[in-house]
Amino acid sequence: MRHYEIVLLIHPDQSEQVPAMLERYKAAVAAGGGKVHRVEDWGRRQMAYMIQKLAKAHYLCINIECNNDVLTELETGFRFNDAVLRHLTVVKSKAEATPSVVMKMVDREEARKAPQEAAA
């Protein structure tokens, strides 16, 4: 089985459905005999360019280990799901379970905002 990193851009109006979508994708990987190594919710972020007249999207990053049939099933689901604006699948040489650079940046931003919100 190969290792993959999948980045999804979800329509910002569908942000509340993200946990259910993640569970569906995890179940599909597990049903195919694969493993989910890392799931990161990067939240709603500004995009580099507009897609479907939208400037922001909800970003997800998933690292999985699965066979080609499961990956094809997932990508077909992404293609026919109107909430998924874009998806990118990258083959990785090994499983990655440590936090990504983007997730570390998101954590720093949240830690910086927390004291400001407590003071208000």
PDB file of N, CA and C in Angstrom:
ATOM      1  N   MET A   1       0.844  -1.187   0.000  1.00  0.00           N
ATOM      2  CA  MET A   1       0.000   0.000   0.000  1.00  0.00           C
ATOM      3  C   MET A   1       0.882   1.240   0.000  1.00  0.00           C
ATOM      4  N   ARG A   2       0.390   2.268  -0.630  1.00  0.00           N
ATOM      5  CA  ARG A   2       1.133   3.517  -0.733  1.00  0.00           C
ATOM      6  C   ARG A   2       0.627   4.537   0.271  1.00  0.00           C
ATOM      7  N   HIS A   3       1.483   5.525   0.523  1.00  0.00           N
ATOM      8  CA  HIS A   3       1.140   6.631   1.417  1.00  0.00           C
ATOM      9  C   HIS A   3       0.769   7.839   0.573  1.00  0.00           C
ATOM     10  N   TYR A   4      -0.289   8.530   0.982  1.00  0.00           N
ATOM     11  CA  TYR A   4      -0.766   9.691   0.249  1.00  0.00           C
ATOM     12  C   TYR A   4      -1.047  10.834   1.209  1.00  0.00           C
ATOM     13  N   GLU A   5      -0.870  12.057   0.705  1.00  0.00           N
ATOM     14  CA  GLU A   5      -1.292  13.255   1.425  1.00  0.00           C
ATOM     15  C   GLU A   5      -2.340  13.933   0.554  1.00  0.00           C
ATOM     16  N   ILE A   6      -3.507  14.166   1.118  1.00  0.00           N
ATOM     17  CA  ILE A   6      -4.616  14.769   0.380  1.00  0.00           C
ATOM     18  C   ILE A   6      -4.948  16.105   1.029  1.00  0.00           C
ATOM     19  N   VAL A   7      -4.986  17.157   0.230  1.00  0.00           N
ATOM     20  CA  VAL A   7      -5.394  18.477   0.695  1.00  0.00           C
ATOM     21  C   VAL A   7      -6.712  18.809   0.009  1.00  0.00           C
ATOM     22  N   LEU A   8      -7.699  19.191   0.805  1.00  0.00           N
ATOM     23  CA  LEU A   8      -9.035  19.504   0.293  1.00  0.00           C
ATOM     24  C   LEU A   8      -9.372  20.958   0.576  1.00  0.00           C
ATOM     25  N   LEU A   9      -9.993  21.626  -0.380  1.00  0.00           N
ATOM     26  CA  LEU A   9     -10.543  22.956  -0.188  1.00  0.00           C
ATOM     27  C   LEU A   9     -12.053  22.810  -0.209  1.00  0.00           C
ATOM     28  N   ILE A  10     -12.672  23.094   0.923  1.00  0.00           N
ATOM     29  CA  ILE A  10     -14.111  22.917   1.093  1.00  0.00           C
ATOM     30  C   ILE A  10     -14.792  24.281   1.023  1.00  0.00           C
ATOM     31  N   HIS A  11     -15.969  24.328   0.431  1.00  0.00           N
ATOM     32  CA  HIS A  11     -16.759  25.564   0.334  1.00  0.00           C
ATOM     33  C   HIS A  11     -16.961  26.133   1.747  1.00  0.00           C
ATOM     34  N   PRO A  12     -16.721  27.432   1.946  1.00  0.00           N
ATOM     35  CA  PRO A  12     -16.807  27.992   3.305  1.00  0.00           C
ATOM     36  C   PRO A  12     -18.197  27.897   3.936  1.00  0.00           C
ATOM     37  N   ASP A  13     -19.251  27.851   3.129  1.00  0.00           N
ATOM     38  CA  ASP A  13     -20.600  27.702   3.679  1.00  0.00           C
ATOM     39  C   ASP A  13     -20.851  26.289   4.205  1.00  0.00           C
ATOM     40  N   GLN A  14     -19.998  25.338   3.853  1.00  0.00           N
ATOM     41  CA  GLN A  14     -20.151  23.939   4.258  1.00  0.00           C
ATOM     42  C   GLN A  14     -19.241  23.579   5.437  1.00  0.00           C
ATOM     43  N   SER A  15     -18.662  24.564   6.108  1.00  0.00           N
ATOM     44  CA  SER A  15     -17.702  24.305   7.189  1.00  0.00           C
ATOM     45  C   SER A  15     -18.280  23.442   8.304  1.00  0.00           C
ATOM     46  N   GLU A  16     -19.569  23.581   8.582  1.00  0.00           N
ATOM     47  CA  GLU A  16     -20.160  22.793   9.666  1.00  0.00           C
ATOM     48  C   GLU A  16     -20.295  21.319   9.294  1.00  0.00           C
ATOM     49  N   GLN A  17     -20.195  20.985   8.014  1.00  0.00           N
ATOM     50  CA  GLN A  17     -20.298  19.591   7.575  1.00  0.00           C
ATOM     51  C   GLN A  17     -18.939  18.899   7.482  1.00  0.00           C
ATOM     52  N   VAL A  18     -17.865  19.611   7.782  1.00  0.00           N
ATOM     53  CA  VAL A  18     -16.512  19.059   7.663  1.00  0.00           C
ATOM     54  C   VAL A  18     -16.309  17.822   8.544  1.00  0.00           C
ATOM     55  N   PRO A  19     -16.700  17.827   9.832  1.00  0.00           N
ATOM     56  CA  PRO A  19     -16.490  16.618  10.646  1.00  0.00           C
ATOM     57  C   PRO A  19     -17.179  15.374  10.070  1.00  0.00           C
ATOM     58  N   ALA A  20     -18.384  15.530   9.544  1.00  0.00           N
ATOM     59  CA  ALA A  20     -19.092  14.387   8.954  1.00  0.00           C
ATOM     60  C   ALA A  20     -18.375  13.912   7.691  1.00  0.00           C
ATOM     61  N   MET A  21     -17.860  14.840   6.903  1.00  0.00           N
ATOM     62  CA  MET A  21     -17.125  14.466   5.695  1.00  0.00           C
ATOM     63  C   MET A  21     -15.859  13.698   6.066  1.00  0.00           C
ATOM     64  N   LEU A  22     -15.148  14.179   7.092  1.00  0.00           N
ATOM     65  CA  LEU A  22     -13.926  13.503   7.532  1.00  0.00           C
ATOM     66  C   LEU A  22     -14.214  12.081   7.989  1.00  0.00           C
ATOM     67  N   GLU A  23     -15.278  11.900   8.750  1.00  0.00           N
ATOM     68  CA  GLU A  23     -15.642  10.560   9.227  1.00  0.00           C
ATOM     69  C   GLU A  23     -15.962   9.639   8.050  1.00  0.00           C
ATOM     70  N   ARG A  24     -16.642  10.163   7.037  1.00  0.00           N
ATOM     71  CA  ARG A  24     -16.978   9.369   5.859  1.00  0.00           C
ATOM     72  C   ARG A  24     -15.704   8.932   5.132  1.00  0.00           C
ATOM     73  N   TYR A  25     -14.745   9.856   4.978  1.00  0.00           N
ATOM     74  CA  TYR A  25     -13.502   9.520   4.292  1.00  0.00           C
ATOM     75  C   TYR A  25     -12.661   8.542   5.107  1.00  0.00           C
ATOM     76  N   LYS A  26     -12.617   8.730   6.435  1.00  0.00           N
ATOM     77  CA  LYS A  26     -11.884   7.791   7.293  1.00  0.00           C
ATOM     78  C   LYS A  26     -12.493   6.392   7.211  1.00  0.00           C
ATOM     79  N   ALA A  27     -13.818   6.321   7.206  1.00  0.00           N
ATOM     80  CA  ALA A  27     -14.501   5.025   7.125  1.00  0.00           C
ATOM     81  C   ALA A  27     -14.212   4.332   5.795  1.00  0.00           C
ATOM     82  N   ALA A  28     -14.147   5.105   4.714  1.00  0.00           N
ATOM     83  CA  ALA A  28     -13.854   4.523   3.399  1.00  0.00           C
ATOM     84  C   ALA A  28     -12.436   3.953   3.370  1.00  0.00           C
ATOM     85  N   VAL A  29     -11.484   4.653   3.980  1.00  0.00           N
ATOM     86  CA  VAL A  29     -10.099   4.166   4.024  1.00  0.00           C
ATOM     87  C   VAL A  29     -10.018   2.902   4.878  1.00  0.00           C
ATOM     88  N   ALA A  30     -10.672   2.921   6.039  1.00  0.00           N
ATOM     89  CA  ALA A  30     -10.646   1.766   6.939  1.00  0.00           C
ATOM     90  C   ALA A  30     -11.341   0.560   6.301  1.00  0.00           C
ATOM     91  N   ALA A  31     -12.433   0.790   5.585  1.00  0.00           N
ATOM     92  CA  ALA A  31     -13.155  -0.310   4.941  1.00  0.00           C
ATOM     93  C   ALA A  31     -12.306  -0.962   3.855  1.00  0.00           C
ATOM     94  N   GLY A  32     -11.409  -0.196   3.245  1.00  0.00           N
ATOM     95  CA  GLY A  32     -10.540  -0.742   2.216  1.00  0.00           C
ATOM     96  C   GLY A  32      -9.257  -1.335   2.761  1.00  0.00           C
ATOM     97  N   GLY A  33      -9.133  -1.412   4.082  1.00  0.00           N
ATOM     98  CA  GLY A  33      -7.957  -2.007   4.700  1.00  0.00           C
ATOM     99  C   GLY A  33      -6.798  -1.035   4.866  1.00  0.00           C
ATOM    100  N   GLY A  34      -7.053   0.257   4.722  1.00  0.00           N
ATOM    101  CA  GLY A  34      -6.003   1.260   4.858  1.00  0.00           C
ATOM    102  C   GLY A  34      -5.935   1.853   6.254  1.00  0.00           C
ATOM    103  N   LYS A  35      -5.034   2.826   6.420  1.00  0.00           N
ATOM    104  CA  LYS A  35      -4.863   3.503   7.708  1.00  0.00           C
ATOM    105  C   LYS A  35      -4.837   5.012   7.486  1.00  0.00           C
ATOM    106  N   VAL A  36      -5.394   5.731   8.447  1.00  0.00           N
ATOM    107  CA  VAL A  36      -5.316   7.190   8.444  1.00  0.00           C
ATOM    108  C   VAL A  36      -4.228   7.570   9.441  1.00  0.00           C
ATOM    109  N   HIS A  37      -3.173   8.212   8.977  1.00  0.00           N
ATOM    110  CA  HIS A  37      -2.050   8.551   9.841  1.00  0.00           C
ATOM    111  C   HIS A  37      -2.181   9.937  10.464  1.00  0.00           C
ATOM    112  N   ARG A  38      -2.762  10.883   9.728  1.00  0.00           N
ATOM    113  CA  ARG A  38      -2.855  12.252  10.247  1.00  0.00           C
ATOM    114  C   ARG A  38      -4.052  12.940   9.604  1.00  0.00           C
ATOM    115  N   VAL A  39      -4.809  13.683  10.414  1.00  0.00           N
ATOM    116  CA  VAL A  39      -5.906  14.514   9.924  1.00  0.00           C
ATOM    117  C   VAL A  39      -5.713  15.893  10.522  1.00  0.00           C
ATOM    118  N   GLU A  40      -5.631  16.902   9.663  1.00  0.00           N
ATOM    119  CA  GLU A  40      -5.451  18.273  10.129  1.00  0.00           C
ATOM    120  C   GLU A  40      -6.543  19.155   9.539  1.00  0.00           C
ATOM    121  N   ASP A  41      -7.180  19.909  10.404  1.00  0.00           N
ATOM    122  CA  ASP A  41      -8.179  20.881   9.986  1.00  0.00           C
ATOM    123  C   ASP A  41      -7.522  22.249  10.089  1.00  0.00           C
ATOM    124  N   TRP A  42      -7.156  22.817   8.945  1.00  0.00           N
ATOM    125  CA  TRP A  42      -6.453  24.097   8.931  1.00  0.00           C
ATOM    126  C   TRP A  42      -7.414  25.268   9.048  1.00  0.00           C
ATOM    127  N   GLY A  43      -8.698  25.006   9.002  1.00  0.00           N
ATOM    128  CA  GLY A  43      -9.691  26.060   9.185  1.00  0.00           C
ATOM    129  C   GLY A  43      -9.946  26.856   7.911  1.00  0.00           C
ATOM    130  N   ARG A  44     -10.668  27.947   8.100  1.00  0.00           N
ATOM    131  CA  ARG A  44     -11.016  28.815   6.982  1.00  0.00           C
ATOM    132  C   ARG A  44      -9.862  29.768   6.714  1.00  0.00           C
ATOM    133  N   ARG A  45      -9.351  29.743   5.482  1.00  0.00           N
ATOM    134  CA  ARG A  45      -8.175  30.535   5.127  1.00  0.00           C
ATOM    135  C   ARG A  45      -8.407  31.261   3.804  1.00  0.00           C
ATOM    136  N   GLN A  46      -7.649  32.322   3.620  1.00  0.00           N
ATOM    137  CA  GLN A  46      -7.675  33.086   2.374  1.00  0.00           C
ATOM    138  C   GLN A  46      -7.020  32.270   1.263  1.00  0.00           C
ATOM    139  N   MET A  47      -7.633  32.239   0.088  1.00  0.00           N
ATOM    140  CA  MET A  47      -7.050  31.533  -1.048  1.00  0.00           C
ATOM    141  C   MET A  47      -6.172  32.490  -1.856  1.00  0.00           C
ATOM    142  N   ALA A  48      -5.245  31.937  -2.610  1.00  0.00           N
ATOM    143  CA  ALA A  48      -4.348  32.749  -3.432  1.00  0.00           C
ATOM    144  C   ALA A  48      -5.102  33.420  -4.580  1.00  0.00           C
ATOM    145  N   TYR A  49      -6.135  32.766  -5.085  1.00  0.00           N
ATOM    146  CA  TYR A  49      -6.944  33.339  -6.149  1.00  0.00           C
ATOM    147  C   TYR A  49      -8.377  32.864  -5.953  1.00  0.00           C
ATOM    148  N   MET A  50      -9.310  33.586  -6.562  1.00  0.00           N
ATOM    149  CA  MET A  50     -10.718  33.266  -6.365  1.00  0.00           C
ATOM    150  C   MET A  50     -11.107  32.010  -7.147  1.00  0.00           C
ATOM    151  N   ILE A  51     -11.919  31.170  -6.506  1.00  0.00           N
ATOM    152  CA  ILE A  51     -12.483  29.982  -7.130  1.00  0.00           C
ATOM    153  C   ILE A  51     -13.991  30.077  -6.952  1.00  0.00           C
ATOM    154  N   GLN A  52     -14.727  30.010  -8.030  1.00  0.00           N
ATOM    155  CA  GLN A  52     -16.194  30.115  -8.003  1.00  0.00           C
ATOM    156  C   GLN A  52     -16.639  31.379  -7.245  1.00  0.00           C
ATOM    157  N   LYS A  53     -15.951  32.470  -7.473  1.00  0.00           N
ATOM    158  CA  LYS A  53     -16.237  33.780  -6.867  1.00  0.00           C
ATOM    159  C   LYS A  53     -16.087  33.760  -5.347  1.00  0.00           C
ATOM    160  N   LEU A  54     -15.269  32.864  -4.826  1.00  0.00           N
ATOM    161  CA  LEU A  54     -15.009  32.765  -3.387  1.00  0.00           C
ATOM    162  C   LEU A  54     -13.560  33.132  -3.117  1.00  0.00           C
ATOM    163  N   ALA A  55     -13.328  33.907  -2.070  1.00  0.00           N
ATOM    164  CA  ALA A  55     -11.970  34.303  -1.706  1.00  0.00           C
ATOM    165  C   ALA A  55     -11.415  33.452  -0.566  1.00  0.00           C
ATOM    166  N   LYS A  56     -12.288  32.755   0.177  1.00  0.00           N
ATOM    167  CA  LYS A  56     -11.860  31.917   1.295  1.00  0.00           C
ATOM    168  C   LYS A  56     -12.389  30.501   1.104  1.00  0.00           C
ATOM    169  N   ALA A  57     -11.700  29.559   1.752  1.00  0.00           N
ATOM    170  CA  ALA A  57     -12.136  28.158   1.740  1.00  0.00           C
ATOM    171  C   ALA A  57     -11.715  27.505   3.049  1.00  0.00           C
ATOM    172  N   HIS A  58     -12.344  26.398   3.374  1.00  0.00           N
ATOM    173  CA  HIS A  58     -11.996  25.611   4.561  1.00  0.00           C
ATOM    174  C   HIS A  58     -11.003  24.544   4.107  1.00  0.00           C
ATOM    175  N   TYR A  59      -9.810  24.524   4.703  1.00  0.00           N
ATOM    176  CA  TYR A  59      -8.734  23.625   4.279  1.00  0.00           C
ATOM    177  C   TYR A  59      -8.642  22.409   5.188  1.00  0.00           C
ATOM    178  N   LEU A  60      -8.440  21.235   4.584  1.00  0.00           N
ATOM    179  CA  LEU A  60      -8.210  19.982   5.302  1.00  0.00           C
ATOM    180  C   LEU A  60      -6.990  19.291   4.715  1.00  0.00           C
ATOM    181  N   CYS A  61      -6.226  18.611   5.574  1.00  0.00           N
ATOM    182  CA  CYS A  61      -5.085  17.822   5.125  1.00  0.00           C
ATOM    183  C   CYS A  61      -5.207  16.442   5.765  1.00  0.00           C
ATOM    184  N   ILE A  62      -5.129  15.399   4.926  1.00  0.00           N
ATOM    185  CA  ILE A  62      -5.278  14.026   5.409  1.00  0.00           C
ATOM    186  C   ILE A  62      -4.114  13.204   4.880  1.00  0.00           C
ATOM    187  N   ASN A  63      -3.426  12.486   5.762  1.00  0.00           N
ATOM    188  CA  ASN A  63      -2.377  11.547   5.353  1.00  0.00           C
ATOM    189  C   ASN A  63      -2.905  10.138   5.561  1.00  0.00           C
ATOM    190  N   ILE A  64      -2.921   9.372   4.475  1.00  0.00           N
ATOM    191  CA  ILE A  64      -3.482   8.022   4.530  1.00  0.00           C
ATOM    192  C   ILE A  64      -2.527   7.021   3.898  1.00  0.00           C
ATOM    193  N   GLU A  65      -2.780   5.766   4.217  1.00  0.00           N
ATOM    194  CA  GLU A  65      -2.084   4.638   3.590  1.00  0.00           C
ATOM    195  C   GLU A  65      -3.173   3.719   3.059  1.00  0.00           C
ATOM    196  N   CYS A  66      -3.231   3.549   1.746  1.00  0.00           N
ATOM    197  CA  CYS A  66      -4.295   2.738   1.164  1.00  0.00           C
ATOM    198  C   CYS A  66      -3.866   2.206  -0.202  1.00  0.00           C
ATOM    199  N   ASN A  67      -4.703   1.340  -0.772  1.00  0.00           N
ATOM    200  CA  ASN A  67      -4.426   0.834  -2.110  1.00  0.00           C
ATOM    201  C   ASN A  67      -5.075   1.751  -3.153  1.00  0.00           C
ATOM    202  N   ASN A  68      -4.835   1.464  -4.409  1.00  0.00           N
ATOM    203  CA  ASN A  68      -5.284   2.332  -5.490  1.00  0.00           C
ATOM    204  C   ASN A  68      -6.811   2.363  -5.615  1.00  0.00           C
ATOM    205  N   ASP A  69      -7.481   1.258  -5.298  1.00  0.00           N
ATOM    206  CA  ASP A  69      -8.940   1.219  -5.406  1.00  0.00           C
ATOM    207  C   ASP A  69      -9.597   2.193  -4.435  1.00  0.00           C
ATOM    208  N   VAL A  70      -9.096   2.237  -3.205  1.00  0.00           N
ATOM    209  CA  VAL A  70      -9.647   3.148  -2.201  1.00  0.00           C
ATOM    210  C   VAL A  70      -9.385   4.596  -2.608  1.00  0.00           C
ATOM    211  N   LEU A  71      -8.185   4.869  -3.108  1.00  0.00           N
ATOM    212  CA  LEU A  71      -7.852   6.226  -3.538  1.00  0.00           C
ATOM    213  C   LEU A  71      -8.756   6.667  -4.692  1.00  0.00           C
ATOM    214  N   THR A  72      -9.007   5.778  -5.631  1.00  0.00           N
ATOM    215  CA  THR A  72      -9.901   6.096  -6.747  1.00  0.00           C
ATOM    216  C   THR A  72     -11.306   6.389  -6.253  1.00  0.00           C
ATOM    217  N   GLU A  73     -11.773   5.604  -5.279  1.00  0.00           N
ATOM    218  CA  GLU A  73     -13.098   5.820  -4.698  1.00  0.00           C
ATOM    219  C   GLU A  73     -13.175   7.184  -4.011  1.00  0.00           C
ATOM    220  N   LEU A  74     -12.135   7.545  -3.243  1.00  0.00           N
ATOM    221  CA  LEU A  74     -12.105   8.841  -2.562  1.00  0.00           C
ATOM    222  C   LEU A  74     -12.102   9.996  -3.568  1.00  0.00           C
ATOM    223  N   GLU A  75     -11.250   9.907  -4.567  1.00  0.00           N
ATOM    224  CA  GLU A  75     -11.147  10.996  -5.540  1.00  0.00           C
ATOM    225  C   GLU A  75     -12.431  11.145  -6.350  1.00  0.00           C
ATOM    226  N   THR A  76     -13.103  10.042  -6.638  1.00  0.00           N
ATOM    227  CA  THR A  76     -14.399  10.123  -7.316  1.00  0.00           C
ATOM    228  C   THR A  76     -15.412  10.827  -6.421  1.00  0.00           C
ATOM    229  N   GLY A  77     -15.376  10.528  -5.125  1.00  0.00           N
ATOM    230  CA  GLY A  77     -16.253  11.212  -4.176  1.00  0.00           C
ATOM    231  C   GLY A  77     -15.963  12.696  -4.108  1.00  0.00           C
ATOM    232  N   PHE A  78     -14.684  13.075  -4.137  1.00  0.00           N
ATOM    233  CA  PHE A  78     -14.322  14.497  -4.131  1.00  0.00           C
ATOM    234  C   PHE A  78     -14.866  15.185  -5.379  1.00  0.00           C
ATOM    235  N   ARG A  79     -14.732  14.531  -6.513  1.00  0.00           N
ATOM    236  CA  ARG A  79     -15.114  15.123  -7.793  1.00  0.00           C
ATOM    237  C   ARG A  79     -16.623  15.391  -7.857  1.00  0.00           C
ATOM    238  N   PHE A  80     -17.418  14.499  -7.273  1.00  0.00           N
ATOM    239  CA  PHE A  80     -18.867  14.643  -7.360  1.00  0.00           C
ATOM    240  C   PHE A  80     -19.490  15.318  -6.147  1.00  0.00           C
ATOM    241  N   ASN A  81     -18.677  15.747  -5.192  1.00  0.00           N
ATOM    242  CA  ASN A  81     -19.169  16.473  -4.022  1.00  0.00           C
ATOM    243  C   ASN A  81     -19.076  17.961  -4.328  1.00  0.00           C
ATOM    244  N   ASP A  82     -20.210  18.654  -4.342  1.00  0.00           N
ATOM    245  CA  ASP A  82     -20.229  20.085  -4.661  1.00  0.00           C
ATOM    246  C   ASP A  82     -19.527  20.924  -3.608  1.00  0.00           C
ATOM    247  N   ALA A  83     -19.397  20.418  -2.387  1.00  0.00           N
ATOM    248  CA  ALA A  83     -18.748  21.175  -1.318  1.00  0.00           C
ATOM    249  C   ALA A  83     -17.234  21.221  -1.497  1.00  0.00           C
ATOM    250  N   VAL A  84     -16.652  20.264  -2.211  1.00  0.00           N
ATOM    251  CA  VAL A  84     -15.200  20.220  -2.429  1.00  0.00           C
ATOM    252  C   VAL A  84     -14.874  21.082  -3.638  1.00  0.00           C
ATOM    253  N   LEU A  85     -14.197  22.220  -3.373  1.00  0.00           N
ATOM    254  CA  LEU A  85     -13.817  23.128  -4.455  1.00  0.00           C
ATOM    255  C   LEU A  85     -12.632  22.582  -5.249  1.00  0.00           C
ATOM    256  N   ARG A  86     -11.608  22.116  -4.538  1.00  0.00           N
ATOM    257  CA  ARG A  86     -10.411  21.558  -5.157  1.00  0.00           C
ATOM    258  C   ARG A  86      -9.869  20.450  -4.252  1.00  0.00           C
ATOM    259  N   HIS A  87      -9.132  19.522  -4.857  1.00  0.00           N
ATOM    260  CA  HIS A  87      -8.441  18.500  -4.075  1.00  0.00           C
ATOM    261  C   HIS A  87      -7.110  18.213  -4.745  1.00  0.00           C
ATOM    262  N   LEU A  88      -6.119  17.890  -3.938  1.00  0.00           N
ATOM    263  CA  LEU A  88      -4.787  17.562  -4.430  1.00  0.00           C
ATOM    264  C   LEU A  88      -4.308  16.325  -3.690  1.00  0.00           C
ATOM    265  N   THR A  89      -3.882  15.316  -4.438  1.00  0.00           N
ATOM    266  CA  THR A  89      -3.357  14.090  -3.851  1.00  0.00           C
ATOM    267  C   THR A  89      -1.893  13.959  -4.247  1.00  0.00           C
ATOM    268  N   VAL A  90      -1.034  13.773  -3.244  1.00  0.00           N
ATOM    269  CA  VAL A  90       0.405  13.654  -3.469  1.00  0.00           C
ATOM    270  C   VAL A  90       0.859  12.316  -2.897  1.00  0.00           C
ATOM    271  N   VAL A  91       1.648  11.570  -3.675  1.00  0.00           N
ATOM    272  CA  VAL A  91       2.215  10.305  -3.198  1.00  0.00           C
ATOM    273  C   VAL A  91       3.396  10.638  -2.294  1.00  0.00           C
ATOM    274  N   LYS A  92       3.446  10.018  -1.115  1.00  0.00           N
ATOM    275  CA  LYS A  92       4.534  10.235  -0.156  1.00  0.00           C
ATOM    276  C   LYS A  92       5.353   8.951  -0.033  1.00  0.00           C
ATOM    277  N   SER A  93       6.608   9.111   0.339  1.00  0.00           N
ATOM    278  CA  SER A  93       7.479   7.938   0.470  1.00  0.00           C
ATOM    279  C   SER A  93       7.243   7.177   1.767  1.00  0.00           C
ATOM    280  N   LYS A  94       6.781   7.886   2.808  1.00  0.00           N
ATOM    281  CA  LYS A  94       6.524   7.236   4.091  1.00  0.00           C
ATOM    282  C   LYS A  94       5.366   7.937   4.784  1.00  0.00           C
ATOM    283  N   ALA A  95       4.854   7.298   5.829  1.00  0.00           N
ATOM    284  CA  ALA A  95       3.753   7.882   6.595  1.00  0.00           C
ATOM    285  C   ALA A  95       4.243   9.088   7.378  1.00  0.00           C
ATOM    286  N   GLU A  96       3.428  10.129   7.405  1.00  0.00           N
ATOM    287  CA  GLU A  96       3.761  11.318   8.174  1.00  0.00           C
ATOM    288  C   GLU A  96       2.703  11.511   9.243  1.00  0.00           C
ATOM    289  N   ALA A  97       3.127  11.481  10.493  1.00  0.00           N
ATOM    290  CA  ALA A  97       2.195  11.624  11.604  1.00  0.00           C
ATOM    291  C   ALA A  97       2.483  12.881  12.424  1.00  0.00           C
ATOM    292  N   THR A  98       3.580  13.564  12.153  1.00  0.00           N
ATOM    293  CA  THR A  98       3.906  14.784  12.891  1.00  0.00           C
ATOM    294  C   THR A  98       3.128  15.956  12.301  1.00  0.00           C
ATOM    295  N   PRO A  99       2.888  16.999  13.089  1.00  0.00           N
ATOM    296  CA  PRO A  99       2.158  18.160  12.571  1.00  0.00           C
ATOM    297  C   PRO A  99       2.901  18.818  11.406  1.00  0.00           C
ATOM    298  N   SER A 100       2.134  19.254  10.418  1.00  0.00           N
ATOM    299  CA  SER A 100       2.721  19.908   9.250  1.00  0.00           C
ATOM    300  C   SER A 100       3.116  21.347   9.599  1.00  0.00           C
ATOM    301  N   VAL A 101       3.841  21.969   8.693  1.00  0.00           N
ATOM    302  CA  VAL A 101       4.281  23.351   8.887  1.00  0.00           C
ATOM    303  C   VAL A 101       3.069  24.281   8.981  1.00  0.00           C
ATOM    304  N   VAL A 102       2.060  24.035   8.155  1.00  0.00           N
ATOM    305  CA  VAL A 102       0.861  24.872   8.164  1.00  0.00           C
ATOM    306  C   VAL A 102       0.127  24.723   9.488  1.00  0.00           C
ATOM    307  N   MET A 103       0.041  23.500  10.012  1.00  0.00           N
ATOM    308  CA  MET A 103      -0.653  23.283  11.283  1.00  0.00           C
ATOM    309  C   MET A 103       0.074  23.975  12.425  1.00  0.00           C
ATOM    310  N   LYS A 104       1.390  23.966  12.402  1.00  0.00           N
ATOM    311  CA  LYS A 104       2.157  24.677  13.429  1.00  0.00           C
ATOM    312  C   LYS A 104       1.873  26.168  13.365  1.00  0.00           C
ATOM    313  N   MET A 105       1.749  26.700  12.148  1.00  0.00           N
ATOM    314  CA  MET A 105       1.448  28.113  11.972  1.00  0.00           C
ATOM    315  C   MET A 105       0.038  28.429  12.483  1.00  0.00           C
ATOM    316  N   VAL A 106      -0.921  27.544  12.216  1.00  0.00           N
ATOM    317  CA  VAL A 106      -2.292  27.728  12.694  1.00  0.00           C
ATOM    318  C   VAL A 106      -2.317  27.730  14.216  1.00  0.00           C
ATOM    319  N   ASP A 107      -1.570  26.805  14.842  1.00  0.00           N
ATOM    320  CA  ASP A 107      -1.507  26.741  16.302  1.00  0.00           C
ATOM    321  C   ASP A 107      -0.912  28.016  16.892  1.00  0.00           C
ATOM    322  N   ARG A 108       0.138  28.551  16.250  1.00  0.00           N
ATOM    323  CA  ARG A 108       0.751  29.802  16.725  1.00  0.00           C
ATOM    324  C   ARG A 108      -0.228  30.966  16.640  1.00  0.00           C
ATOM    325  N   GLU A 109      -0.991  31.031  15.533  1.00  0.00           N
ATOM    326  CA  GLU A 109      -1.986  32.096  15.370  1.00  0.00           C
ATOM    327  C   GLU A 109      -3.056  32.008  16.441  1.00  0.00           C
ATOM    328  N   GLU A 110      -3.526  30.797  16.740  1.00  0.00           N
ATOM    329  CA  GLU A 110      -4.554  30.619  17.765  1.00  0.00           C
ATOM    330  C   GLU A 110      -4.012  30.973  19.144  1.00  0.00           C
ATOM    331  N   ALA A 111      -2.760  30.612  19.421  1.00  0.00           N
ATOM    332  CA  ALA A 111      -2.157  30.940  20.719  1.00  0.00           C
ATOM    333  C   ALA A 111      -1.982  32.445  20.866  1.00  0.00           C
ATOM    334  N   ARG A 112      -1.684  33.118  19.775  1.00  0.00           N
ATOM    335  CA  ARG A 112      -1.506  34.575  19.809  1.00  0.00           C
ATOM    336  C   ARG A 112      -2.842  35.280  20.017  1.00  0.00           C
ATOM    337  N   LYS A 113      -3.926  34.734  19.446  1.00  0.00           N
ATOM    338  CA  LYS A 113      -5.255  35.345  19.559  1.00  0.00           C
ATOM    339  C   LYS A 113      -5.877  35.111  20.936  1.00  0.00           C
ATOM    340  N   ALA A 114      -5.552  34.003  21.580  1.00  0.00           N
ATOM    341  CA  ALA A 114      -6.175  33.637  22.850  1.00  0.00           C
ATOM    342  C   ALA A 114      -5.985  34.700  23.941  1.00  0.00           C
ATOM    343  N   PRO A 115      -4.768  35.234  24.176  1.00  0.00           N
ATOM    344  CA  PRO A 115      -4.631  36.260  25.215  1.00  0.00           C
ATOM    345  C   PRO A 115      -5.377  37.549  24.882  1.00  0.00           C
ATOM    346  N   GLN A 116      -5.465  37.883  23.607  1.00  0.00           N
ATOM    347  CA  GLN A 116      -6.180  39.089  23.201  1.00  0.00           C
ATOM    348  C   GLN A 116      -7.679  38.954  23.461  1.00  0.00           C
ATOM    349  N   GLU A 117      -8.235  37.763  23.219  1.00  0.00           N
ATOM    350  CA  GLU A 117      -9.654  37.535  23.446  1.00  0.00           C
ATOM    351  C   GLU A 117      -9.963  37.520  24.936  1.00  0.00           C
ATOM    352  N   ALA A 118      -9.039  36.998  25.749  1.00  0.00           N
ATOM    353  CA  ALA A 118      -9.265  36.950  27.204  1.00  0.00           C
ATOM    354  C   ALA A 118      -9.255  38.356  27.788  1.00  0.00           C
ATOM    355  N   ALA A 119      -8.465  39.250  27.229  1.00  0.00           N
ATOM    356  CA  ALA A 119      -8.381  40.620  27.736  1.00  0.00           C
ATOM    357  C   ALA A 119      -9.623  41.430  27.373  1.00  0.00           C
ATOM    358  N   ALA A 120     -10.304  41.046  26.320  1.00  0.00           N
ATOM    359  CA  ALA A 120     -11.465  41.829  25.838  1.00  0.00           C
ATOM    360  C   ALA A 120     -12.700  41.566  26.631  1.00  0.00           C
TER     361      ALA A 120
END
